[in-house]
Structure formats: structure tokens, C-alpha cells
């Protein structure tokens, strides 16, 4: 599904809003309570869902998502929501991201963004994982699907699987980084080397956060997520890509819809006159064929006397 100008604009605005959701503690002093996000998360959730709906409407109005693509979106969201409880987050094992990466690769960035958000929302409902972290998970997963759709399209074969596997490993750490960022200012405590310091320079706080992430999740949960993505994409990637591309071809998502006017009724032809009513044209026979003497000789030429006669 091609990324059109209107859809790209909506995606950029949604991404900027999501980035502000994660990074605002770096510029504004947080509240003292560890659950400070509990009050603003419902508001963020209410803002996030209309943005996702705007992406869908923009794609539909631009011809990028039609009812068949929406049906595919619903099916893949349900499958992804069903896959997530298989890992249950144990030791960082997450089975939701490999299908998101493959679907974003096949169907494009707009589809991947919406699929990432709806998959996490549906899985949150299934696993009772609805909480202040859910809007942040939805946005971060949407970015994963968006990035998969923006990968180079010319790469094919084994090189494509290697590229997707490397991307899956990278986004596993990026997802952990983002999900740590939203609660870090409220959980690291105060007056420690890993604590968020209100009013400190951004780079200093980022350094503290990087150390916090390395110590708490990078070598544990994030690595488990990266290994899961790597194994799933290498083992199942070729087969799943084939199935998704075959479904995309049969659904003909990009086939243009053309409306043709109804055929005009043909005017009835006038009946031809019967053959016997046609006038018969007769041709006068050639004088020679009719046996008329033209004065020529036997050889068809005029006699010498007639040729030499004046006039």
C-alpha cells in the first residue's frame, strides 16, 4: 500500500505527539507520586485513538486502505493478540513483534502503524493488561510497524530476511528503551546516580537514564525480546512473507476501481431490401464480344487502307 502525502502527514503528526508522550519528563518536572502517569494516561489514550482513526480515514480517503485491507487489519490484529499470551513476557519473550514486522513490510508503513497499535490494544484486553502503560505500548508498537514498512523495498530473498531479522533485534531494544523512559522519572527514587533530576540538562538526564536502562532491562528483558524476534523472523519469516504477499495479491489492494457508464442502446438497423427487389444492373456487352463488326481486321487491327485514309 503506497504511502501518500496525506497519510504521511498524519503519521508524522502522530509520531511527534507520541514522542512528546515519552519525552516530556525531560523538560517538565514530574509529580512526586510514582503513579503520576495514572491521571494523564486516560487522556493520552483518548487522544491516541482518534489519531489512529485519522490514519485509517486518511488511508481510506487516499485509496490506500479499502474494506479488504480493513478486514486484513482485523484478522492480523486478532492473530497478534492471540500470539502475545504465548510468551507472556517471561524473560522478555515477546511473540507479538515478529508478525508486526512482517505485516508492516508487506502492507506498508500506514498499515503497520495501525496494526501495531491495535494489536497491543487487543492483547491488553485479552491479558487484562490495561493500565497507564497501554497507550505508550500502542505508540511504541505502532512505530515498529511503521519502520518495517519504510525499509528498502528492493531487498529480496535471503538478504531481506537478514534485514528484517536485524531490524527485529534493533526494535526489541528500542521498545524496551521507550517503555523504560515513560516511568523512569517516578521509579528510580531520588538522590541516586540513576535518578531523574528535575531541571538538570537533557544530556545529563539521558546519561542517567541510559545507565538505568542497561542495569535494569537491556541485558535481561530486552535481550530476551531480541532473541525471540531473531529466531521467529529467521525460522518463520520466509513462509509468513509468502502467505501475506499471496493474500495481498489475491485481495488486489492496489487495484484501481473504475466506474464505466452503462452501454448505450444500439439503434436498430434498417432492414435490407430483399435480393430480388434490388435493381439489376446490366452492362452493355463489348462490341467484339457481341459479334459487332467494327471494321477491324482479323487480327484486331484496322486495315492499312483505313489507317491511311485521311480524317
Protein backbone atom coordinates (compact mmCIF):
# COMPACT_ATOMS: atom_id res chain seq x y z
CA UNK A 1 0.00 0.00 0.00
CA UNK A 2 1.67 3.22 -1.12
CA UNK A 3 2.32 5.95 1.44
CA UNK A 4 0.53 9.05 0.17
CA UNK A 5 1.11 12.65 1.20
CA UNK A 6 -2.00 12.91 3.39
CA UNK A 7 -1.21 9.69 5.24
CA UNK A 8 2.44 10.69 5.68
CA UNK A 9 1.35 13.99 7.23
CA UNK A 10 -0.93 12.25 9.72
CA UNK A 11 1.77 9.73 10.61
CA UNK A 12 4.32 12.47 11.22
CA UNK A 13 1.91 14.34 13.50
CA UNK A 14 1.03 11.15 15.37
CA UNK A 15 4.72 10.33 15.81
CA UNK A 16 5.50 13.80 17.12
CA UNK A 17 2.64 13.54 19.60
CA UNK A 18 3.88 10.12 20.67
CA UNK A 19 7.44 11.40 21.08
CA UNK A 20 6.12 14.15 23.31
CA UNK A 21 4.30 11.50 25.37
CA UNK A 22 7.59 9.76 26.13
CA UNK A 23 9.97 12.68 26.45
CA UNK A 24 8.02 15.31 28.34
CA UNK A 25 9.59 14.38 31.74
CA UNK A 26 12.94 15.54 30.33
CA UNK A 27 11.57 19.06 30.01
CA UNK A 28 8.96 19.27 32.76
CA UNK A 29 9.43 18.34 36.39
CA UNK A 30 7.38 15.22 37.21
CA UNK A 31 4.98 14.82 40.08
CA UNK A 32 6.18 13.27 43.30
CA UNK A 33 3.99 10.16 43.15
CA UNK A 34 5.33 7.08 41.31
CA UNK A 35 1.94 6.68 39.63
CA UNK A 36 1.91 10.21 38.28
CA UNK A 37 1.02 8.91 34.82
CA UNK A 38 -2.14 7.31 36.16
CA UNK A 39 -4.01 10.58 35.84
CA UNK A 40 -2.80 11.59 32.40
CA UNK A 41 -2.77 8.14 30.75
CA UNK A 42 -6.55 8.05 30.14
CA UNK A 43 -6.29 11.46 28.49
CA UNK A 44 -3.38 10.28 26.36
CA UNK A 45 -5.38 7.20 25.45
CA UNK A 46 -8.34 9.31 24.37
CA UNK A 47 -6.01 11.41 22.23
CA UNK A 48 -4.21 8.41 20.75
CA UNK A 49 -7.26 6.56 19.47
CA UNK A 50 -8.61 9.46 17.33
CA UNK A 51 -5.14 9.84 15.82
CA UNK A 52 -5.15 6.16 14.87
CA UNK A 53 -8.62 6.58 13.43
CA UNK A 54 -7.38 9.58 11.47
CA UNK A 55 -4.64 7.41 9.98
CA UNK A 56 -7.22 4.87 8.86
CA UNK A 57 -9.51 7.53 7.40
CA UNK A 58 -6.62 9.23 5.64
CA UNK A 59 -5.56 5.93 4.10
CA UNK A 60 -9.12 5.17 3.06
CA UNK A 61 -9.72 8.58 1.51
CA UNK A 62 -6.43 8.33 -0.36
CA UNK A 63 -7.28 4.87 -1.66
CA UNK A 64 -4.64 3.12 0.47
CA UNK A 65 -6.94 1.11 2.74
CA UNK A 66 -10.19 -0.32 1.42
CA UNK A 67 -12.65 -2.68 3.14
CA UNK A 68 -10.49 -5.66 2.18
CA UNK A 69 -7.46 -4.09 3.86
CA UNK A 70 -9.53 -3.30 6.95
CA UNK A 71 -10.59 -6.94 7.09
CA UNK A 72 -6.94 -7.98 6.86
CA UNK A 73 -6.11 -5.50 9.63
CA UNK A 74 -8.74 -7.06 11.88
CA UNK A 75 -7.53 -10.60 11.21
CA UNK A 76 -3.87 -9.80 11.84
CA UNK A 77 -4.71 -7.82 14.99
CA UNK A 78 -6.63 -10.80 16.34
CA UNK A 79 -3.82 -13.21 15.46
CA UNK A 80 -1.22 -10.96 17.07
CA UNK A 81 -3.35 -10.56 20.19
CA UNK A 82 -3.62 -14.34 20.40
CA UNK A 83 0.12 -14.84 19.97
CA UNK A 84 1.17 -12.49 22.74
CA UNK A 85 -0.01 -14.62 25.69
CA UNK A 86 2.17 -17.49 24.41
CA UNK A 87 5.24 -15.67 25.65
CA UNK A 88 3.52 -13.82 28.49
CA UNK A 89 6.62 -11.63 28.76
CA UNK A 90 8.54 -14.34 30.59
CA UNK A 91 12.26 -13.47 30.50
CA UNK A 92 11.43 -10.91 27.85
CA UNK A 93 9.96 -13.42 25.39
CA UNK A 94 7.51 -11.48 23.21
CA UNK A 95 5.78 -13.25 20.33
CA UNK A 96 3.86 -10.22 19.11
CA UNK A 97 6.54 -8.31 17.23
CA UNK A 98 7.71 -10.70 14.51
CA UNK A 99 4.30 -10.77 12.79
CA UNK A 100 4.07 -6.99 13.17
CA UNK A 101 7.40 -6.56 11.39
CA UNK A 102 6.42 -8.90 8.54
CA UNK A 103 2.99 -7.33 8.06
CA UNK A 104 4.45 -3.83 8.04
CA UNK A 105 6.96 -5.00 5.46
CA UNK A 106 4.25 -6.37 3.15
CA UNK A 107 1.41 -3.87 3.59
CA UNK A 108 3.30 -0.64 4.18
CA UNK A 109 4.02 1.88 6.95
CA UNK A 110 0.46 3.19 7.45
CA UNK A 111 -0.91 -0.32 7.83
CA UNK A 112 1.99 -1.29 10.09
CA UNK A 113 1.45 1.70 12.38
CA UNK A 114 -2.23 0.97 12.90
CA UNK A 115 -1.62 -2.78 13.24
CA UNK A 116 0.96 -2.21 15.99
CA UNK A 117 -1.43 -0.07 17.99
CA UNK A 118 -4.49 -2.27 17.55
CA UNK A 119 -2.52 -5.46 18.30
CA UNK A 120 -1.31 -4.17 21.65
CA UNK A 121 -4.74 -2.80 22.48
CA UNK A 122 -6.43 -6.13 21.73
CA UNK A 123 -3.80 -8.11 23.61
CA UNK A 124 -4.16 -5.78 26.58
CA UNK A 125 -7.86 -6.58 26.70
CA UNK A 126 -7.21 -10.32 26.45
CA UNK A 127 -4.50 -10.42 29.11
CA UNK A 128 -6.01 -7.84 31.46
CA UNK A 129 -3.03 -5.66 30.69
CA UNK A 130 -4.98 -2.41 30.56
CA UNK A 131 -3.20 0.24 32.58
CA UNK A 132 -1.37 3.55 32.31
CA UNK A 133 1.33 1.84 30.25
CA UNK A 134 -1.02 0.70 27.46
CA UNK A 135 -1.09 3.96 25.42
CA UNK A 136 2.72 4.02 25.46
CA UNK A 137 2.88 0.40 24.33
CA UNK A 138 0.48 1.16 21.50
CA UNK A 139 2.51 4.09 20.20
CA UNK A 140 5.84 2.24 20.51
CA UNK A 141 4.45 -0.80 18.68
CA UNK A 142 2.99 1.45 16.02
CA UNK A 143 6.45 2.85 15.39
CA UNK A 144 7.81 -0.67 14.96
CA UNK A 145 5.24 -1.45 12.25
CA UNK A 146 5.83 1.96 10.68
CA UNK A 147 9.59 1.41 10.49
CA UNK A 148 9.15 -2.05 8.96
CA UNK A 149 7.11 -0.52 6.16
CA UNK A 150 9.81 2.07 5.47
CA UNK A 151 12.63 -0.44 5.00
CA UNK A 152 14.17 -0.59 1.48
CA UNK A 153 11.81 -2.36 -0.92
CA UNK A 154 14.43 -3.61 -3.38
CA UNK A 155 15.98 -6.06 -0.92
CA UNK A 156 14.69 -9.58 -1.58
CA UNK A 157 15.46 -13.21 -0.81
CA UNK A 158 17.84 -14.10 1.99
CA UNK A 159 19.07 -10.53 2.21
CA UNK A 160 15.52 -9.44 3.01
CA UNK A 161 15.21 -11.97 5.83
CA UNK A 162 18.59 -10.87 7.21
CA UNK A 163 17.48 -7.22 7.08
CA UNK A 164 14.20 -7.98 8.85
CA UNK A 165 15.97 -10.07 11.49
CA UNK A 166 18.43 -7.25 12.19
CA UNK A 167 15.54 -4.80 12.36
CA UNK A 168 13.70 -7.09 14.78
CA UNK A 169 16.72 -7.18 17.10
CA UNK A 170 17.10 -3.42 16.96
CA UNK A 171 13.46 -2.59 17.70
CA UNK A 172 13.47 -5.02 20.62
CA UNK A 173 15.94 -2.78 22.40
CA UNK A 174 14.22 0.40 21.19
CA UNK A 175 10.90 -0.80 22.59
CA UNK A 176 12.50 -1.51 25.96
CA UNK A 177 14.21 1.87 25.90
CA UNK A 178 10.94 3.70 25.28
CA UNK A 179 8.93 1.73 27.80
CA UNK A 180 11.55 2.44 30.46
CA UNK A 181 11.51 6.13 29.62
CA UNK A 182 7.86 6.68 30.45
CA UNK A 183 8.15 5.51 34.10
CA UNK A 184 11.83 6.10 34.88
CA UNK A 185 11.39 9.58 36.45
CA UNK A 186 8.96 8.12 39.00
CA UNK A 187 10.58 4.80 39.95
CA UNK A 188 14.33 5.36 40.22
CA UNK A 189 13.97 7.13 43.53
CA UNK A 190 15.71 10.32 44.50
CA UNK A 191 19.30 11.32 45.14
CA UNK A 192 20.87 8.37 43.34
CA UNK A 193 23.14 8.15 40.33
CA UNK A 194 20.23 6.71 38.32
CA UNK A 195 17.56 9.15 39.46
CA UNK A 196 15.90 11.74 37.30
CA UNK A 197 17.00 15.21 38.33
CA UNK A 198 14.45 17.88 37.57
CA UNK A 199 15.96 20.94 35.95
CA UNK A 200 19.20 19.18 35.00
CA UNK A 201 20.47 19.40 31.40
CA UNK A 202 18.81 16.99 28.99
CA UNK A 203 22.07 15.19 28.16
CA UNK A 204 22.80 14.60 31.82
CA UNK A 205 19.38 13.10 32.41
CA UNK A 206 19.74 10.97 29.28
CA UNK A 207 23.04 9.66 30.58
CA UNK A 208 21.40 8.71 33.88
CA UNK A 209 18.56 7.05 32.00
CA UNK A 210 20.94 5.09 29.74
CA UNK A 211 22.69 3.65 32.79
CA UNK A 212 19.32 2.85 34.37
CA UNK A 213 18.19 1.02 31.22
CA UNK A 214 21.39 -1.00 30.90
CA UNK A 215 21.24 -2.10 34.51
CA UNK A 216 17.54 -2.91 34.70
CA UNK A 217 16.42 -4.32 31.33
CA UNK A 218 18.89 -4.23 28.44
CA UNK A 219 20.78 -7.40 29.42
CA UNK A 220 17.62 -9.15 30.57
CA UNK A 221 14.17 -8.48 29.20
CA UNK A 222 15.28 -6.59 26.10
CA UNK A 223 17.78 -9.27 25.11
CA UNK A 224 15.14 -11.97 25.53
CA UNK A 225 12.83 -9.98 23.28
CA UNK A 226 15.60 -9.52 20.71
CA UNK A 227 16.41 -13.25 20.65
CA UNK A 228 12.71 -14.10 20.23
CA UNK A 229 12.39 -11.72 17.28
CA UNK A 230 15.56 -13.05 15.69
CA UNK A 231 14.58 -16.71 15.91
CA UNK A 232 10.98 -16.13 14.79
CA UNK A 233 11.93 -13.96 11.81
CA UNK A 234 14.63 -16.34 10.60
CA UNK A 235 12.57 -19.50 11.09
CA UNK A 236 9.11 -18.31 10.12
CA UNK A 237 9.82 -15.16 8.11
CA UNK A 238 10.03 -16.67 4.58
CA UNK A 239 6.83 -18.70 4.95
CA UNK A 240 4.83 -15.88 6.56
CA UNK A 241 6.03 -13.37 3.97
CA UNK A 242 4.88 -15.70 1.19
CA UNK A 243 1.44 -16.11 2.75
CA UNK A 244 0.97 -12.39 3.36
CA UNK A 245 2.08 -11.44 -0.14
CA UNK A 246 -0.17 -14.06 -1.70
CA UNK A 247 -3.09 -12.68 0.32
CA UNK A 248 -2.21 -9.15 -0.80
CA UNK A 249 -2.11 -10.20 -4.46
CA UNK A 250 -5.40 -12.07 -4.30
CA UNK A 251 -7.12 -9.25 -2.45
CA UNK A 252 -5.70 -6.80 -5.04
CA UNK A 253 -5.46 -3.98 -2.51
CA UNK A 254 -3.94 -1.61 -5.06
CA UNK A 255 -6.29 -2.45 -7.93
CA UNK A 256 -7.93 0.78 -9.12
CA UNK A 257 -11.70 0.96 -9.03
CA UNK A 258 -13.15 2.24 -12.28
CA UNK A 259 -16.75 3.16 -12.90
CA UNK A 260 -17.89 2.79 -16.50
CA UNK A 261 -21.13 4.26 -17.83
CA UNK A 262 -23.80 1.81 -18.92
CA UNK A 263 -23.76 0.78 -22.55
CA UNK A 264 -25.92 2.92 -24.79
CA UNK A 265 -28.67 1.03 -26.60
CA UNK A 266 -27.86 0.42 -30.21
CA UNK A 267 -30.11 1.96 -32.83
CA UNK A 268 -31.98 -0.69 -34.81
CA UNK A 269 -30.64 -1.14 -38.30
CA UNK A 270 -32.93 -0.62 -41.23
CA UNK A 271 -33.85 -3.93 -42.80
CA UNK A 272 -32.21 -4.64 -46.08
CA UNK A 273 -34.37 -4.98 -49.15
CA UNK A 274 -34.81 -8.48 -50.42
CA UNK A 275 -32.32 -9.52 -53.02
CA UNK A 276 -34.95 -9.82 -55.62
CA UNK A 277 -36.06 -6.21 -55.09
CA UNK A 278 -32.63 -4.83 -55.86
CA UNK A 279 -32.31 -3.22 -59.19
CA UNK A 280 -30.33 -5.34 -61.56
CA UNK A 281 -27.59 -3.50 -63.31
CA UNK A 282 -26.87 -4.65 -66.82
CA UNK A 283 -23.75 -3.80 -68.69
CA UNK A 284 -23.63 -3.40 -72.39
CA UNK A 285 -21.59 -6.14 -73.95
CA UNK A 286 -18.34 -5.28 -75.59
CA UNK A 287 -18.86 -4.85 -79.27
CA UNK A 288 -16.45 -7.60 -80.10
CA UNK A 289 -18.00 -10.00 -77.61
CA UNK A 290 -21.41 -9.27 -79.14
CA UNK A 291 -20.17 -10.07 -82.64
CA UNK A 292 -20.44 -6.49 -84.00
CA UNK A 293 -18.20 -5.73 -86.95
CA UNK A 294 -16.02 -2.75 -86.12
CA UNK A 295 -14.15 -2.77 -89.31
CA UNK A 296 -11.02 -4.20 -87.82
CA UNK A 297 -9.10 -6.96 -89.36
CA UNK A 298 -8.99 -10.45 -88.18
CA UNK A 299 -6.07 -9.65 -86.01
CA UNK A 300 -8.00 -6.89 -84.24
CA UNK A 301 -6.19 -4.04 -86.09
CA UNK A 302 -7.63 -1.66 -88.62
CA UNK A 303 -6.81 -2.37 -92.33
CA UNK A 304 -3.94 -0.46 -93.81
CA UNK A 305 -6.35 1.35 -96.17
CA UNK A 306 -8.38 2.57 -93.24
CA UNK A 307 -5.27 3.68 -91.44
CA UNK A 308 -4.00 5.64 -94.39
CA UNK A 309 -7.32 7.30 -95.13
CA UNK A 310 -7.30 10.96 -94.08
CA UNK A 311 -9.65 12.03 -91.35
